[in-house]
Amino acid sequence: MVCCGQRRALASGNGRTVEANRPPRPVARVALYEYTGTTGMTVMGPLSGRRYRFAQPGAKVQVDSRDVSSLAGLPNLRRVQ
């Protein structure tokens, strides 16, 4: 049985159906931050809604690029990458 979309393709003469081109999914960009404090710290990303947990001094966590500007002003966090 042929559906209406296939009828259009058959009517065009090539007999093939055409797949819709979907734009590629955006690649999530991340930045690496290191905690330089003395205990631990948890930060909520205001734009992504993600929770970033720096469990101890020297802990490194990947941060969503949307949250970078907010974390840049926090004490005891240093951007590594």
PDB file of N, CA and C in Angstrom:
ATOM      1  N   MET A   1       0.834  -1.171   0.000  1.00  0.00           N
ATOM      2  CA  MET A   1       0.000   0.000   0.000  1.00  0.00           C
ATOM      3  C   MET A   1       0.884   1.240   0.000  1.00  0.00           C
ATOM      4  N   VAL A   2       0.484   2.240  -0.746  1.00  0.00           N
ATOM      5  CA  VAL A   2       1.252   3.459  -0.898  1.00  0.00           C
ATOM      6  C   VAL A   2       0.550   4.589  -0.154  1.00  0.00           C
ATOM      7  N   CYS A   3       1.328   5.328   0.679  1.00  0.00           N
ATOM      8  CA  CYS A   3       0.727   6.469   1.370  1.00  0.00           C
ATOM      9  C   CYS A   3       0.867   7.715   0.504  1.00  0.00           C
ATOM     10  N   CYS A   4       0.266   8.820   0.940  1.00  0.00           N
ATOM     11  CA  CYS A   4       0.256  10.025   0.112  1.00  0.00           C
ATOM     12  C   CYS A   4       1.657  10.558  -0.169  1.00  0.00           C
ATOM     13  N   GLY A   5       2.575  10.456   0.798  1.00  0.00           N
ATOM     14  CA  GLY A   5       3.946  10.922   0.571  1.00  0.00           C
ATOM     15  C   GLY A   5       4.653  10.098  -0.484  1.00  0.00           C
ATOM     16  N   GLN A   6       4.421   8.811  -0.473  1.00  0.00           N
ATOM     17  CA  GLN A   6       5.043   7.950  -1.471  1.00  0.00           C
ATOM     18  C   GLN A   6       4.441   8.199  -2.849  1.00  0.00           C
ATOM     19  N   ARG A   7       3.182   8.554  -2.904  1.00  0.00           N
ATOM     20  CA  ARG A   7       2.564   8.858  -4.201  1.00  0.00           C
ATOM     21  C   ARG A   7       3.233  10.063  -4.836  1.00  0.00           C
ATOM     22  N   ARG A   8       3.542  11.059  -4.023  1.00  0.00           N
ATOM     23  CA  ARG A   8       4.225  12.247  -4.563  1.00  0.00           C
ATOM     24  C   ARG A   8       5.595  11.873  -5.107  1.00  0.00           C
ATOM     25  N   ALA A   9       6.313  11.027  -4.388  1.00  0.00           N
ATOM     26  CA  ALA A   9       7.635  10.620  -4.847  1.00  0.00           C
ATOM     27  C   ALA A   9       7.525   9.809  -6.130  1.00  0.00           C
ATOM     28  N   LEU A  10       6.540   8.927  -6.191  1.00  0.00           N
ATOM     29  CA  LEU A  10       6.353   8.132  -7.407  1.00  0.00           C
ATOM     30  C   LEU A  10       5.926   9.020  -8.573  1.00  0.00           C
ATOM     31  N   ALA A  11       5.116  10.019  -8.298  1.00  0.00           N
ATOM     32  CA  ALA A  11       4.649  10.920  -9.350  1.00  0.00           C
ATOM     33  C   ALA A  11       5.791  11.760  -9.915  1.00  0.00           C
ATOM     34  N   SER A  12       6.816  12.002  -9.086  1.00  0.00           N
ATOM     35  CA  SER A  12       7.934  12.807  -9.570  1.00  0.00           C
ATOM     36  C   SER A  12       8.814  12.023 -10.528  1.00  0.00           C
ATOM     37  N   GLY A  13       8.644  10.721 -10.576  1.00  0.00           N
ATOM     38  CA  GLY A  13       9.359   9.918 -11.551  1.00  0.00           C
ATOM     39  C   GLY A  13      10.593   9.202 -11.028  1.00  0.00           C
ATOM     40  N   ASN A  14      11.113   9.595  -9.850  1.00  0.00           N
ATOM     41  CA  ASN A  14      12.332   8.927  -9.403  1.00  0.00           C
ATOM     42  C   ASN A  14      12.048   7.708  -8.535  1.00  0.00           C
ATOM     43  N   GLY A  15      10.859   7.609  -7.959  1.00  0.00           N
ATOM     44  CA  GLY A  15      10.489   6.437  -7.187  1.00  0.00           C
ATOM     45  C   GLY A  15      11.170   6.325  -5.837  1.00  0.00           C
ATOM     46  N   ARG A  16      11.894   7.347  -5.416  1.00  0.00           N
ATOM     47  CA  ARG A  16      12.570   7.311  -4.124  1.00  0.00           C
ATOM     48  C   ARG A  16      11.903   8.276  -3.163  1.00  0.00           C
ATOM     49  N   THR A  17      11.923   7.935  -1.909  1.00  0.00           N
ATOM     50  CA  THR A  17      11.443   8.871  -0.898  1.00  0.00           C
ATOM     51  C   THR A  17      12.639   9.679  -0.415  1.00  0.00           C
ATOM     52  N   VAL A  18      12.382  10.895  -0.030  1.00  0.00           N
ATOM     53  CA  VAL A  18      13.450  11.790   0.406  1.00  0.00           C
ATOM     54  C   VAL A  18      13.347  11.980   1.903  1.00  0.00           C
ATOM     55  N   GLU A  19      14.465  11.820   2.590  1.00  0.00           N
ATOM     56  CA  GLU A  19      14.490  12.035   4.033  1.00  0.00           C
ATOM     57  C   GLU A  19      14.696  13.516   4.318  1.00  0.00           C
ATOM     58  N   ALA A  20      14.044  13.989   5.350  1.00  0.00           N
ATOM     59  CA  ALA A  20      14.209  15.389   5.740  1.00  0.00           C
ATOM     60  C   ALA A  20      15.599  15.583   6.328  1.00  0.00           C
ATOM     61  N   ASN A  21      16.222  16.668   5.956  1.00  0.00           N
ATOM     62  CA  ASN A  21      17.536  16.991   6.516  1.00  0.00           C
ATOM     63  C   ASN A  21      17.341  17.656   7.867  1.00  0.00           C
ATOM     64  N   ARG A  22      17.896  17.061   8.888  1.00  0.00           N
ATOM     65  CA  ARG A  22      17.805  17.617  10.232  1.00  0.00           C
ATOM     66  C   ARG A  22      19.109  18.327  10.534  1.00  0.00           C
ATOM     67  N   PRO A  23      19.028  19.497  11.170  1.00  0.00           N
ATOM     68  CA  PRO A  23      20.270  20.170  11.547  1.00  0.00           C
ATOM     69  C   PRO A  23      20.978  19.359  12.622  1.00  0.00           C
ATOM     70  N   PRO A  24      22.298  19.365  12.616  1.00  0.00           N
ATOM     71  CA  PRO A  24      23.031  18.602  13.636  1.00  0.00           C
ATOM     72  C   PRO A  24      22.768  19.178  15.015  1.00  0.00           C
ATOM     73  N   ARG A  25      22.776  18.296  16.012  1.00  0.00           N
ATOM     74  CA  ARG A  25      22.593  18.743  17.391  1.00  0.00           C
ATOM     75  C   ARG A  25      23.805  19.569  17.806  1.00  0.00           C
ATOM     76  N   PRO A  26      23.588  20.662  18.528  1.00  0.00           N
ATOM     77  CA  PRO A  26      24.722  21.476  18.961  1.00  0.00           C
ATOM     78  C   PRO A  26      25.587  20.697  19.941  1.00  0.00           C
ATOM     79  N   VAL A  27      26.873  20.886  19.816  1.00  0.00           N
ATOM     80  CA  VAL A  27      27.821  20.215  20.698  1.00  0.00           C
ATOM     81  C   VAL A  27      27.913  21.018  21.987  1.00  0.00           C
ATOM     82  N   ALA A  28      27.716  20.342  23.097  1.00  0.00           N
ATOM     83  CA  ALA A  28      27.821  21.022  24.388  1.00  0.00           C
ATOM     84  C   ALA A  28      29.284  21.348  24.649  1.00  0.00           C
ATOM     85  N   ARG A  29      29.551  22.589  24.920  1.00  0.00           N
ATOM     86  CA  ARG A  29      30.912  23.010  25.222  1.00  0.00           C
ATOM     87  C   ARG A  29      31.057  23.099  26.731  1.00  0.00           C
ATOM     88  N   VAL A  30      32.219  22.714  27.196  1.00  0.00           N
ATOM     89  CA  VAL A  30      32.461  22.726  28.631  1.00  0.00           C
ATOM     90  C   VAL A  30      33.773  23.437  28.932  1.00  0.00           C
ATOM     91  N   ALA A  31      33.877  23.904  30.153  1.00  0.00           N
ATOM     92  CA  ALA A  31      35.111  24.486  30.661  1.00  0.00           C
ATOM     93  C   ALA A  31      35.477  23.719  31.920  1.00  0.00           C
ATOM     94  N   LEU A  32      36.738  23.624  32.195  1.00  0.00           N
ATOM     95  CA  LEU A  32      37.203  22.897  33.371  1.00  0.00           C
ATOM     96  C   LEU A  32      37.568  23.903  34.456  1.00  0.00           C
ATOM     97  N   TYR A  33      37.010  23.705  35.650  1.00  0.00           N
ATOM     98  CA  TYR A  33      37.290  24.572  36.791  1.00  0.00           C
ATOM     99  C   TYR A  33      37.900  23.750  37.919  1.00  0.00           C
ATOM    100  N   GLU A  34      38.823  24.381  38.641  1.00  0.00           N
ATOM    101  CA  GLU A  34      39.472  23.749  39.791  1.00  0.00           C
ATOM    102  C   GLU A  34      39.124  24.536  41.047  1.00  0.00           C
ATOM    103  N   TYR A  35      38.834  23.798  42.107  1.00  0.00           N
ATOM    104  CA  TYR A  35      38.507  24.410  43.395  1.00  0.00           C
ATOM    105  C   TYR A  35      39.784  24.622  44.183  1.00  0.00           C
ATOM    106  N   THR A  36      39.990  25.851  44.681  1.00  0.00           N
ATOM    107  CA  THR A  36      41.215  26.175  45.417  1.00  0.00           C
ATOM    108  C   THR A  36      40.948  26.482  46.891  1.00  0.00           C
ATOM    109  N   GLY A  37      39.734  26.243  47.359  1.00  0.00           N
ATOM    110  CA  GLY A  37      39.389  26.515  48.758  1.00  0.00           C
ATOM    111  C   GLY A  37      39.941  25.453  49.698  1.00  0.00           C
ATOM    112  N   THR A  38      39.497  25.483  50.943  1.00  0.00           N
ATOM    113  CA  THR A  38      40.034  24.575  51.960  1.00  0.00           C
ATOM    114  C   THR A  38      39.098  23.434  52.333  1.00  0.00           C
ATOM    115  N   THR A  39      37.814  23.522  51.980  1.00  0.00           N
ATOM    116  CA  THR A  39      36.869  22.453  52.332  1.00  0.00           C
ATOM    117  C   THR A  39      36.264  21.882  51.060  1.00  0.00           C
ATOM    118  N   GLY A  40      35.001  22.106  50.814  1.00  0.00           N
ATOM    119  CA  GLY A  40      34.313  21.703  49.603  1.00  0.00           C
ATOM    120  C   GLY A  40      33.292  22.767  49.250  1.00  0.00           C
ATOM    121  N   MET A  41      32.726  22.675  48.069  1.00  0.00           N
ATOM    122  CA  MET A  41      31.764  23.690  47.657  1.00  0.00           C
ATOM    123  C   MET A  41      30.847  23.113  46.586  1.00  0.00           C
ATOM    124  N   THR A  42      29.578  23.502  46.661  1.00  0.00           N
ATOM    125  CA  THR A  42      28.601  23.135  45.642  1.00  0.00           C
ATOM    126  C   THR A  42      28.063  24.418  45.037  1.00  0.00           C
ATOM    127  N   VAL A  43      27.984  24.445  43.709  1.00  0.00           N
ATOM    128  CA  VAL A  43      27.516  25.626  42.992  1.00  0.00           C
ATOM    129  C   VAL A  43      26.407  25.200  42.041  1.00  0.00           C
ATOM    130  N   MET A  44      25.344  26.011  41.978  1.00  0.00           N
ATOM    131  CA  MET A  44      24.264  25.767  41.013  1.00  0.00           C
ATOM    132  C   MET A  44      24.493  26.657  39.798  1.00  0.00           C
ATOM    133  N   GLY A  45      24.447  26.062  38.622  1.00  0.00           N
ATOM    134  CA  GLY A  45      24.567  26.829  37.391  1.00  0.00           C
ATOM    135  C   GLY A  45      23.248  27.524  37.087  1.00  0.00           C
ATOM    136  N   PRO A  46      23.234  28.854  37.044  1.00  0.00           N
ATOM    137  CA  PRO A  46      21.970  29.575  36.887  1.00  0.00           C
ATOM    138  C   PRO A  46      21.307  29.380  35.526  1.00  0.00           C
ATOM    139  N   LEU A  47      22.064  29.158  34.481  1.00  0.00           N
ATOM    140  CA  LEU A  47      21.465  28.998  33.161  1.00  0.00           C
ATOM    141  C   LEU A  47      21.190  27.541  32.808  1.00  0.00           C
ATOM    142  N   SER A  48      22.086  26.652  33.167  1.00  0.00           N
ATOM    143  CA  SER A  48      21.893  25.238  32.832  1.00  0.00           C
ATOM    144  C   SER A  48      21.062  24.503  33.878  1.00  0.00           C
ATOM    145  N   GLY A  49      21.059  25.023  35.111  1.00  0.00           N
ATOM    146  CA  GLY A  49      20.372  24.343  36.198  1.00  0.00           C
ATOM    147  C   GLY A  49      21.163  23.179  36.774  1.00  0.00           C
ATOM    148  N   ARG A  50      22.390  22.999  36.314  1.00  0.00           N
ATOM    149  CA  ARG A  50      23.219  21.889  36.801  1.00  0.00           C
ATOM    150  C   ARG A  50      23.834  22.226  38.151  1.00  0.00           C
ATOM    151  N   ARG A  51      24.097  21.187  38.917  1.00  0.00           N
ATOM    152  CA  ARG A  51      24.755  21.326  40.207  1.00  0.00           C
ATOM    153  C   ARG A  51      26.200  20.863  40.052  1.00  0.00           C
ATOM    154  N   TYR A  52      27.132  21.720  40.435  1.00  0.00           N
ATOM    155  CA  TYR A  52      28.554  21.396  40.334  1.00  0.00           C
ATOM    156  C   TYR A  52      29.097  21.188  41.743  1.00  0.00           C
ATOM    157  N   ARG A  53      29.637  20.012  41.989  1.00  0.00           N
ATOM    158  CA  ARG A  53      30.148  19.672  43.320  1.00  0.00           C
ATOM    159  C   ARG A  53      31.668  19.581  43.275  1.00  0.00           C
ATOM    160  N   PHE A  54      32.303  20.463  44.041  1.00  0.00           N
ATOM    161  CA  PHE A  54      33.751  20.441  44.234  1.00  0.00           C
ATOM    162  C   PHE A  54      33.959  19.859  45.627  1.00  0.00           C
ATOM    163  N   ALA A  55      34.275  18.582  45.702  1.00  0.00           N
ATOM    164  CA  ALA A  55      34.273  17.853  46.970  1.00  0.00           C
ATOM    165  C   ALA A  55      35.431  18.204  47.895  1.00  0.00           C
ATOM    166  N   GLN A  56      36.564  18.604  47.352  1.00  0.00           N
ATOM    167  CA  GLN A  56      37.747  18.860  48.174  1.00  0.00           C
ATOM    168  C   GLN A  56      38.677  19.822  47.448  1.00  0.00           C
ATOM    169  N   PRO A  57      39.662  20.357  48.140  1.00  0.00           N
ATOM    170  CA  PRO A  57      40.633  21.225  47.477  1.00  0.00           C
ATOM    171  C   PRO A  57      41.298  20.493  46.302  1.00  0.00           C
ATOM    172  N   GLY A  58      41.419  21.186  45.188  1.00  0.00           N
ATOM    173  CA  GLY A  58      42.033  20.590  43.999  1.00  0.00           C
ATOM    174  C   GLY A  58      41.055  19.857  43.094  1.00  0.00           C
ATOM    175  N   ALA A  59      39.800  19.724  43.521  1.00  0.00           N
ATOM    176  CA  ALA A  59      38.805  19.024  42.703  1.00  0.00           C
ATOM    177  C   ALA A  59      38.582  19.785  41.400  1.00  0.00           C
ATOM    178  N   LYS A  60      38.505  19.040  40.295  1.00  0.00           N
ATOM    179  CA  LYS A  60      38.263  19.634  38.981  1.00  0.00           C
ATOM    180  C   LYS A  60      36.930  19.136  38.456  1.00  0.00           C
ATOM    181  N   VAL A  61      36.123  20.081  37.947  1.00  0.00           N
ATOM    182  CA  VAL A  61      34.781  19.761  37.471  1.00  0.00           C
ATOM    183  C   VAL A  61      34.559  20.438  36.126  1.00  0.00           C
ATOM    184  N   GLN A  62      33.923  19.715  35.206  1.00  0.00           N
ATOM    185  CA  GLN A  62      33.551  20.293  33.916  1.00  0.00           C
ATOM    186  C   GLN A  62      32.283  21.104  34.096  1.00  0.00           C
ATOM    187  N   VAL A  63      32.301  22.334  33.582  1.00  0.00           N
ATOM    188  CA  VAL A  63      31.194  23.271  33.733  1.00  0.00           C
ATOM    189  C   VAL A  63      30.623  23.584  32.355  1.00  0.00           C
ATOM    190  N   ASP A  64      29.312  23.568  32.262  1.00  0.00           N
ATOM    191  CA  ASP A  64      28.612  23.927  31.031  1.00  0.00           C
ATOM    192  C   ASP A  64      28.989  25.363  30.647  1.00  0.00           C
ATOM    193  N   SER A  65      29.241  25.593  29.365  1.00  0.00           N
ATOM    194  CA  SER A  65      29.684  26.914  28.913  1.00  0.00           C
ATOM    195  C   SER A  65      28.678  28.016  29.227  1.00  0.00           C
ATOM    196  N   ARG A  66      27.412  27.669  29.359  1.00  0.00           N
ATOM    197  CA  ARG A  66      26.407  28.678  29.688  1.00  0.00           C
ATOM    198  C   ARG A  66      26.580  29.233  31.097  1.00  0.00           C
ATOM    199  N   ASP A  67      27.232  28.480  31.971  1.00  0.00           N
ATOM    200  CA  ASP A  67      27.406  28.889  33.362  1.00  0.00           C
ATOM    201  C   ASP A  67      28.768  29.523  33.644  1.00  0.00           C
ATOM    202  N   VAL A  68      29.641  29.552  32.663  1.00  0.00           N
ATOM    203  CA  VAL A  68      31.010  30.025  32.864  1.00  0.00           C
ATOM    204  C   VAL A  68      31.058  31.449  33.399  1.00  0.00           C
ATOM    205  N   SER A  69      30.291  32.360  32.819  1.00  0.00           N
ATOM    206  CA  SER A  69      30.363  33.757  33.260  1.00  0.00           C
ATOM    207  C   SER A  69      29.929  33.908  34.715  1.00  0.00           C
ATOM    208  N   SER A  70      29.006  33.098  35.170  1.00  0.00           N
ATOM    209  CA  SER A  70      28.551  33.168  36.559  1.00  0.00           C
ATOM    210  C   SER A  70      29.598  32.618  37.523  1.00  0.00           C
ATOM    211  N   LEU A  71      30.276  31.552  37.137  1.00  0.00           N
ATOM    212  CA  LEU A  71      31.267  30.951  38.014  1.00  0.00           C
ATOM    213  C   LEU A  71      32.578  31.731  38.017  1.00  0.00           C
ATOM    214  N   ALA A  72      32.819  32.515  36.975  1.00  0.00           N
ATOM    215  CA  ALA A  72      34.079  33.250  36.866  1.00  0.00           C
ATOM    216  C   ALA A  72      34.292  34.217  38.025  1.00  0.00           C
ATOM    217  N   GLY A  73      33.229  34.738  38.587  1.00  0.00           N
ATOM    218  CA  GLY A  73      33.365  35.707  39.672  1.00  0.00           C
ATOM    219  C   GLY A  73      33.401  35.112  41.064  1.00  0.00           C
ATOM    220  N   LEU A  74      33.308  33.802  41.170  1.00  0.00           N
ATOM    221  CA  LEU A  74      33.276  33.171  42.493  1.00  0.00           C
ATOM    222  C   LEU A  74      34.690  32.984  43.046  1.00  0.00           C
ATOM    223  N   PRO A  75      34.859  33.263  44.348  1.00  0.00           N
ATOM    224  CA  PRO A  75      36.168  33.010  44.956  1.00  0.00           C
ATOM    225  C   PRO A  75      36.433  31.515  45.040  1.00  0.00           C
ATOM    226  N   ASN A  76      37.681  31.157  45.054  1.00  0.00           N
ATOM    227  CA  ASN A  76      38.140  29.771  45.210  1.00  0.00           C
ATOM    228  C   ASN A  76      37.876  28.890  43.993  1.00  0.00           C
ATOM    229  N   LEU A  77      37.492  29.470  42.871  1.00  0.00           N
ATOM    230  CA  LEU A  77      37.375  28.705  41.635  1.00  0.00           C
ATOM    231  C   LEU A  77      38.300  29.309  40.600  1.00  0.00           C
ATOM    232  N   ARG A  78      39.025  28.424  39.937  1.00  0.00           N
ATOM    233  CA  ARG A  78      39.981  28.860  38.926  1.00  0.00           C
ATOM    234  C   ARG A  78      39.750  28.078  37.656  1.00  0.00           C
ATOM    235  N   ARG A  79      39.617  28.781  36.531  1.00  0.00           N
ATOM    236  CA  ARG A  79      39.420  28.097  35.256  1.00  0.00           C
ATOM    237  C   ARG A  79      40.735  27.480  34.807  1.00  0.00           C
ATOM    238  N   VAL A  80      40.692  26.193  34.531  1.00  0.00           N
ATOM    239  CA  VAL A  80      41.871  25.452  34.112  1.00  0.00           C
ATOM    240  C   VAL A  80      41.931  25.365  32.595  1.00  0.00           C
ATOM    241  N   GLN A  81      40.795  25.172  31.963  1.00  0.00           N
ATOM    242  CA  GLN A  81      40.745  24.986  30.512  1.00  0.00           C
ATOM    243  C   GLN A  81      39.588  25.761  29.937  1.00  0.00           C
TER     244      GLN A  81
END
